[in-house]
PDB file of all heavy atoms in Angstrom:
ATOM      1  N   LEU A   1     -26.022  21.046   3.567  1.00  0.00           N
ATOM      2  CA  LEU A   1     -27.398  20.755   3.157  1.00  0.00           C
ATOM      3  C   LEU A   1     -28.305  21.897   3.602  1.00  0.00           C
ATOM      4  O   LEU A   1     -28.623  22.038   4.781  1.00  0.00           O
ATOM      5  CB  LEU A   1     -27.874  19.433   3.775  1.00  0.00           C
ATOM      6  CG  LEU A   1     -29.264  18.948   3.341  1.00  0.00           C
ATOM      7  CD1 LEU A   1     -29.302  18.676   1.841  1.00  0.00           C
ATOM      8  CD2 LEU A   1     -29.661  17.701   4.120  1.00  0.00           C
ATOM      9  N   THR A   2     -28.699  22.747   2.641  1.00  0.00           N
ATOM     10  CA  THR A   2     -29.603  23.869   2.914  1.00  0.00           C
ATOM     11  C   THR A   2     -30.657  23.918   1.813  1.00  0.00           C
ATOM     12  O   THR A   2     -30.629  23.131   0.867  1.00  0.00           O
ATOM     13  CB  THR A   2     -28.834  25.213   2.933  1.00  0.00           C
ATOM     14  OG1 THR A   2     -28.366  25.498   1.615  1.00  0.00           O
ATOM     15  CG2 THR A   2     -27.651  25.161   3.897  1.00  0.00           C
ATOM     16  N   GLY A   3     -31.562  24.874   1.921  1.00  0.00           N
ATOM     17  CA  GLY A   3     -32.607  25.020   0.919  1.00  0.00           C
ATOM     18  C   GLY A   3     -32.079  25.416  -0.441  1.00  0.00           C
ATOM     19  O   GLY A   3     -32.758  25.242  -1.461  1.00  0.00           O
ATOM     20  N   ARG A   4     -30.850  25.955  -0.499  1.00  0.00           N
ATOM     21  CA  ARG A   4     -30.260  26.386  -1.765  1.00  0.00           C
ATOM     22  C   ARG A   4     -29.709  25.219  -2.578  1.00  0.00           C
ATOM     23  O   ARG A   4     -29.440  25.371  -3.769  1.00  0.00           O
ATOM     24  CB  ARG A   4     -29.120  27.379  -1.503  1.00  0.00           C
ATOM     25  CG  ARG A   4     -29.576  28.727  -0.990  1.00  0.00           C
ATOM     26  CD  ARG A   4     -28.376  29.590  -0.621  1.00  0.00           C
ATOM     27  NE  ARG A   4     -27.508  29.829  -1.761  1.00  0.00           N
ATOM     28  CZ  ARG A   4     -27.623  30.844  -2.610  1.00  0.00           C
ATOM     29  NH1 ARG A   4     -28.609  31.703  -2.456  1.00  0.00           N
ATOM     30  NH2 ARG A   4     -26.778  31.010  -3.596  1.00  0.00           N
ATOM     31  N   ILE A   5     -29.510  24.094  -1.912  1.00  0.00           N
ATOM     32  CA  ILE A   5     -28.932  22.944  -2.611  1.00  0.00           C
ATOM     33  C   ILE A   5     -29.990  22.342  -3.533  1.00  0.00           C
ATOM     34  O   ILE A   5     -31.064  21.928  -3.092  1.00  0.00           O
ATOM     35  CB  ILE A   5     -28.433  21.881  -1.611  1.00  0.00           C
ATOM     36  CG1 ILE A   5     -27.453  22.512  -0.611  1.00  0.00           C
ATOM     37  CG2 ILE A   5     -27.797  20.714  -2.341  1.00  0.00           C
ATOM     38  CD1 ILE A   5     -26.218  23.086  -1.227  1.00  0.00           C
ATOM     39  N   GLY A   6     -29.704  22.297  -4.822  1.00  0.00           N
ATOM     40  CA  GLY A   6     -30.655  21.786  -5.807  1.00  0.00           C
ATOM     41  C   GLY A   6     -30.837  20.280  -5.712  1.00  0.00           C
ATOM     42  O   GLY A   6     -30.066  19.567  -5.062  1.00  0.00           O
ATOM     43  N   ALA A   7     -31.870  19.795  -6.390  1.00  0.00           N
ATOM     44  CA  ALA A   7     -32.229  18.381  -6.311  1.00  0.00           C
ATOM     45  C   ALA A   7     -31.097  17.474  -6.763  1.00  0.00           C
ATOM     46  O   ALA A   7     -30.863  16.407  -6.178  1.00  0.00           O
ATOM     47  CB  ALA A   7     -33.479  18.125  -7.140  1.00  0.00           C
ATOM     48  N   VAL A   8     -30.367  17.887  -7.810  1.00  0.00           N
ATOM     49  CA  VAL A   8     -29.289  17.038  -8.344  1.00  0.00           C
ATOM     50  C   VAL A   8     -28.184  16.854  -7.304  1.00  0.00           C
ATOM     51  O   VAL A   8     -27.683  15.741  -7.087  1.00  0.00           O
ATOM     52  CB  VAL A   8     -28.720  17.651  -9.643  1.00  0.00           C
ATOM     53  CG1 VAL A   8     -27.491  16.868 -10.100  1.00  0.00           C
ATOM     54  CG2 VAL A   8     -29.785  17.668 -10.724  1.00  0.00           C
ATOM     55  N   ASP A   9     -27.796  17.959  -6.637  1.00  0.00           N
ATOM     56  CA  ASP A   9     -26.736  17.873  -5.627  1.00  0.00           C
ATOM     57  C   ASP A   9     -27.253  17.294  -4.309  1.00  0.00           C
ATOM     58  O   ASP A   9     -26.486  16.704  -3.539  1.00  0.00           O
ATOM     59  CB  ASP A   9     -26.145  19.260  -5.372  1.00  0.00           C
ATOM     60  CG  ASP A   9     -25.419  19.804  -6.591  1.00  0.00           C
ATOM     61  OD1 ASP A   9     -24.802  18.991  -7.312  1.00  0.00           O
ATOM     62  OD2 ASP A   9     -25.478  21.028  -6.821  1.00  0.00           O
ATOM     63  N   ARG A  10     -28.533  17.477  -4.032  1.00  0.00           N
ATOM     64  CA  ARG A  10     -29.108  17.010  -2.774  1.00  0.00           C
ATOM     65  C   ARG A  10     -29.179  15.477  -2.726  1.00  0.00           C
ATOM     66  O   ARG A  10     -28.969  14.865  -1.670  1.00  0.00           O
ATOM     67  CB  ARG A  10     -30.506  17.611  -2.594  1.00  0.00           C
ATOM     68  CG  ARG A  10     -31.245  17.167  -1.355  1.00  0.00           C
ATOM     69  CD  ARG A  10     -32.635  17.793  -1.344  1.00  0.00           C
ATOM     70  NE  ARG A  10     -32.534  19.238  -1.229  1.00  0.00           N
ATOM     71  CZ  ARG A  10     -32.663  19.890  -0.083  1.00  0.00           C
ATOM     72  NH1 ARG A  10     -32.920  19.233   1.022  1.00  0.00           N
ATOM     73  NH2 ARG A  10     -32.556  21.192  -0.049  1.00  0.00           N
ATOM     74  N   LYS A  11     -29.479  14.876  -3.866  1.00  0.00           N
ATOM     75  CA  LYS A  11     -29.726  13.429  -3.892  1.00  0.00           C
ATOM     76  C   LYS A  11     -28.550  12.613  -3.357  1.00  0.00           C
ATOM     77  O   LYS A  11     -28.737  11.740  -2.489  1.00  0.00           O
ATOM     78  CB  LYS A  11     -30.084  12.999  -5.314  1.00  0.00           C
ATOM     79  CG  LYS A  11     -30.520  11.545  -5.409  1.00  0.00           C
ATOM     80  CD  LYS A  11     -30.982  11.213  -6.830  1.00  0.00           C
ATOM     81  CE  LYS A  11     -31.421   9.754  -6.926  1.00  0.00           C
ATOM     82  NZ  LYS A  11     -31.882   9.422  -8.309  1.00  0.00           N
ATOM     83  N   PRO A  12     -27.302  12.850  -3.815  1.00  0.00           N
ATOM     84  CA  PRO A  12     -26.194  12.052  -3.268  1.00  0.00           C
ATOM     85  C   PRO A  12     -25.919  12.333  -1.791  1.00  0.00           C
ATOM     86  O   PRO A  12     -25.470  11.437  -1.062  1.00  0.00           O
ATOM     87  CB  PRO A  12     -24.999  12.451  -4.143  1.00  0.00           C
ATOM     88  CG  PRO A  12     -25.377  13.750  -4.773  1.00  0.00           C
ATOM     89  CD  PRO A  12     -26.854  13.717  -4.928  1.00  0.00           C
ATOM     90  N   ILE A  13     -26.200  13.568  -1.336  1.00  0.00           N
ATOM     91  CA  ILE A  13     -25.996  13.888   0.082  1.00  0.00           C
ATOM     92  C   ILE A  13     -26.961  13.072   0.935  1.00  0.00           C
ATOM     93  O   ILE A  13     -26.561  12.446   1.932  1.00  0.00           O
ATOM     94  CB  ILE A  13     -26.190  15.401   0.335  1.00  0.00           C
ATOM     95  CG1 ILE A  13     -25.104  16.206  -0.371  1.00  0.00           C
ATOM     96  CG2 ILE A  13     -26.178  15.704   1.835  1.00  0.00           C
ATOM     97  CD1 ILE A  13     -25.306  17.714  -0.300  1.00  0.00           C
ATOM     98  N   LEU A  14     -28.243  13.071   0.534  1.00  0.00           N
ATOM     99  CA  LEU A  14     -29.240  12.302   1.279  1.00  0.00           C
ATOM    100  C   LEU A  14     -28.911  10.810   1.252  1.00  0.00           C
ATOM    101  O   LEU A  14     -29.054  10.103   2.264  1.00  0.00           O
ATOM    102  CB  LEU A  14     -30.636  12.551   0.701  1.00  0.00           C
ATOM    103  CG  LEU A  14     -31.180  13.973   0.816  1.00  0.00           C
ATOM    104  CD1 LEU A  14     -32.565  14.076   0.169  1.00  0.00           C
ATOM    105  CD2 LEU A  14     -31.257  14.406   2.274  1.00  0.00           C
ATOM    106  N   ARG A  15     -28.462  10.330   0.089  1.00  0.00           N
ATOM    107  CA  ARG A  15     -28.130   8.901  -0.036  1.00  0.00           C
ATOM    108  C   ARG A  15     -26.985   8.527   0.903  1.00  0.00           C
ATOM    109  O   ARG A  15     -27.047   7.515   1.618  1.00  0.00           O
ATOM    110  CB  ARG A  15     -27.750   8.606  -1.489  1.00  0.00           C
ATOM    111  CG  ARG A  15     -27.399   7.133  -1.761  1.00  0.00           C
ATOM    112  CD  ARG A  15     -26.733   6.985  -3.108  1.00  0.00           C
ATOM    113  NE  ARG A  15     -25.455   7.710  -3.137  1.00  0.00           N
ATOM    114  CZ  ARG A  15     -25.013   8.412  -4.187  1.00  0.00           C
ATOM    115  NH1 ARG A  15     -25.745   8.525  -5.287  1.00  0.00           N
ATOM    116  NH2 ARG A  15     -23.842   9.022  -4.130  1.00  0.00           N
ATOM    117  N   ASP A  16     -25.946   9.362   0.928  1.00  0.00           N
ATOM    118  CA  ASP A  16     -24.772   9.019   1.722  1.00  0.00           C
ATOM    119  C   ASP A  16     -25.005   9.223   3.223  1.00  0.00           C
ATOM    120  O   ASP A  16     -24.380   8.546   4.045  1.00  0.00           O
ATOM    121  CB  ASP A  16     -23.564   9.838   1.257  1.00  0.00           C
ATOM    122  CG  ASP A  16     -23.106   9.421  -0.136  1.00  0.00           C
ATOM    123  OD1 ASP A  16     -23.591   8.389  -0.638  1.00  0.00           O
ATOM    124  OD2 ASP A  16     -22.268  10.134  -0.729  1.00  0.00           O
ATOM    125  N   LEU A  17     -25.875  10.153   3.581  1.00  0.00           N
ATOM    126  CA  LEU A  17     -26.253  10.280   4.991  1.00  0.00           C
ATOM    127  C   LEU A  17     -27.002   9.033   5.438  1.00  0.00           C
ATOM    128  O   LEU A  17     -26.784   8.501   6.536  1.00  0.00           O
ATOM    129  CB  LEU A  17     -27.129  11.520   5.206  1.00  0.00           C
ATOM    130  CG  LEU A  17     -26.427  12.874   5.208  1.00  0.00           C
ATOM    131  CD1 LEU A  17     -27.470  14.001   5.283  1.00  0.00           C
ATOM    132  CD2 LEU A  17     -25.450  12.992   6.375  1.00  0.00           C
ATOM    133  N   SER A  18     -27.897   8.569   4.583  1.00  0.00           N
ATOM    134  CA  SER A  18     -28.715   7.403   4.907  1.00  0.00           C
ATOM    135  C   SER A  18     -27.878   6.128   4.991  1.00  0.00           C
ATOM    136  O   SER A  18     -28.138   5.255   5.822  1.00  0.00           O
ATOM    137  CB  SER A  18     -29.815   7.239   3.857  1.00  0.00           C
ATOM    138  OG  SER A  18     -30.623   6.120   4.149  1.00  0.00           O
ATOM    139  N   SER A  19     -26.848   6.026   4.155  1.00  0.00           N
ATOM    140  CA  SER A  19     -26.009   4.819   4.155  1.00  0.00           C
ATOM    141  C   SER A  19     -24.912   4.874   5.208  1.00  0.00           C
ATOM    142  O   SER A  19     -24.299   3.854   5.535  1.00  0.00           O
ATOM    143  CB  SER A  19     -25.373   4.636   2.776  1.00  0.00           C
ATOM    144  OG  SER A  19     -24.435   5.677   2.518  1.00  0.00           O
ATOM    145  N   GLY A  20     -24.644   6.079   5.726  1.00  0.00           N
ATOM    146  CA  GLY A  20     -23.565   6.234   6.699  1.00  0.00           C
ATOM    147  C   GLY A  20     -22.242   6.592   6.079  1.00  0.00           C
ATOM    148  O   GLY A  20     -21.227   6.726   6.779  1.00  0.00           O
ATOM    149  N   ASP A  21     -22.193   6.770   4.747  1.00  0.00           N
ATOM    150  CA  ASP A  21     -20.936   7.075   4.061  1.00  0.00           C
ATOM    151  C   ASP A  21     -20.510   8.537   4.209  1.00  0.00           C
ATOM    152  O   ASP A  21     -19.352   8.867   3.921  1.00  0.00           O
ATOM    153  CB  ASP A  21     -21.055   6.742   2.569  1.00  0.00           C
ATOM    154  CG  ASP A  21     -21.182   5.244   2.317  1.00  0.00           C
ATOM    155  OD1 ASP A  21     -20.722   4.470   3.190  1.00  0.00           O
ATOM    156  OD2 ASP A  21     -21.748   4.852   1.277  1.00  0.00           O
ATOM    157  N   LEU A  22     -21.436   9.416   4.611  1.00  0.00           N
ATOM    158  CA  LEU A  22     -21.109  10.836   4.808  1.00  0.00           C
ATOM    159  C   LEU A  22     -21.039  11.096   6.319  1.00  0.00           C
ATOM    160  O   LEU A  22     -22.065  11.124   7.000  1.00  0.00           O
ATOM    161  CB  LEU A  22     -22.175  11.723   4.160  1.00  0.00           C
ATOM    162  CG  LEU A  22     -21.977  13.236   4.295  1.00  0.00           C
ATOM    163  CD1 LEU A  22     -20.661  13.675   3.667  1.00  0.00           C
ATOM    164  CD2 LEU A  22     -23.141  13.984   3.654  1.00  0.00           C
ATOM    165  N   PRO A  23     -19.838  11.281   6.864  1.00  0.00           N
ATOM    166  CA  PRO A  23     -19.717  11.363   8.324  1.00  0.00           C
ATOM    167  C   PRO A  23     -20.189  12.680   8.942  1.00  0.00           C
ATOM    168  O   PRO A  23     -20.677  12.692  10.067  1.00  0.00           O
ATOM    169  CB  PRO A  23     -18.223  11.151   8.569  1.00  0.00           C
ATOM    170  CG  PRO A  23     -17.551  11.496   7.295  1.00  0.00           C
ATOM    171  CD  PRO A  23     -18.514  11.203   6.200  1.00  0.00           C
ATOM    172  N   ILE A  24     -20.059  13.806   8.203  1.00  0.00           N
ATOM    173  CA  ILE A  24     -20.378  15.106   8.805  1.00  0.00           C
ATOM    174  C   ILE A  24     -21.217  15.924   7.829  1.00  0.00           C
ATOM    175  O   ILE A  24     -20.909  16.004   6.637  1.00  0.00           O
ATOM    176  CB  ILE A  24     -19.099  15.880   9.181  1.00  0.00           C
ATOM    177  CG1 ILE A  24     -18.460  15.245  10.420  1.00  0.00           C
ATOM    178  CG2 ILE A  24     -19.396  17.357   9.455  1.00  0.00           C
ATOM    179  CD1 ILE A  24     -17.200  15.926  10.902  1.00  0.00           C
ATOM    180  N   VAL A  25     -22.273  16.551   8.367  1.00  0.00           N
ATOM    181  CA  VAL A  25     -23.117  17.406   7.542  1.00  0.00           C
ATOM    182  C   VAL A  25     -23.421  18.692   8.302  1.00  0.00           C
ATOM    183  O   VAL A  25     -23.601  18.683   9.531  1.00  0.00           O
ATOM    184  CB  VAL A  25     -24.427  16.681   7.141  1.00  0.00           C
ATOM    185  CG1 VAL A  25     -25.288  16.358   8.360  1.00  0.00           C
ATOM    186  CG2 VAL A  25     -25.220  17.505   6.125  1.00  0.00           C
ATOM    187  N   PHE A  26     -23.429  19.796   7.571  1.00  0.00           N
ATOM    188  CA  PHE A  26     -23.812  21.103   8.104  1.00  0.00           C
ATOM    189  C   PHE A  26     -25.078  21.530   7.379  1.00  0.00           C
ATOM    190  O   PHE A  26     -25.248  21.266   6.183  1.00  0.00           O
ATOM    191  CB  PHE A  26     -22.706  22.142   7.864  1.00  0.00           C
ATOM    192  CG  PHE A  26     -21.426  21.831   8.576  1.00  0.00           C
ATOM    193  CD1 PHE A  26     -20.461  21.019   7.985  1.00  0.00           C
ATOM    194  CD2 PHE A  26     -21.183  22.329   9.838  1.00  0.00           C
ATOM    195  CE1 PHE A  26     -19.281  20.711   8.638  1.00  0.00           C
ATOM    196  CE2 PHE A  26     -19.998  22.039  10.508  1.00  0.00           C
ATOM    197  CZ  PHE A  26     -19.050  21.219   9.906  1.00  0.00           C
ATOM    198  N   GLY A  27     -25.980  22.203   8.081  1.00  0.00           N
ATOM    199  CA  GLY A  27     -27.203  22.610   7.404  1.00  0.00           C
ATOM    200  C   GLY A  27     -28.078  23.503   8.236  1.00  0.00           C
ATOM    201  O   GLY A  27     -27.700  23.980   9.312  1.00  0.00           O
ATOM    202  N   THR A  28     -29.267  23.739   7.702  1.00  0.00           N
ATOM    203  CA  THR A  28     -30.293  24.558   8.364  1.00  0.00           C
ATOM    204  C   THR A  28     -31.460  23.643   8.725  1.00  0.00           C
ATOM    205  O   THR A  28     -31.267  22.454   8.992  1.00  0.00           O
ATOM    206  CB  THR A  28     -30.755  25.672   7.412  1.00  0.00           C
ATOM    207  OG1 THR A  28     -31.196  25.056   6.184  1.00  0.00           O
ATOM    208  CG2 THR A  28     -29.631  26.638   7.100  1.00  0.00           C
TER     209      THR A  28
END
């Protein structure tokens, strides 16, 4: 998850972080 990630790809990442379904994230 960085500033380069577009809105379309960002949306499922944010959703899964919020739900707990995404266990690990790297970012800035």
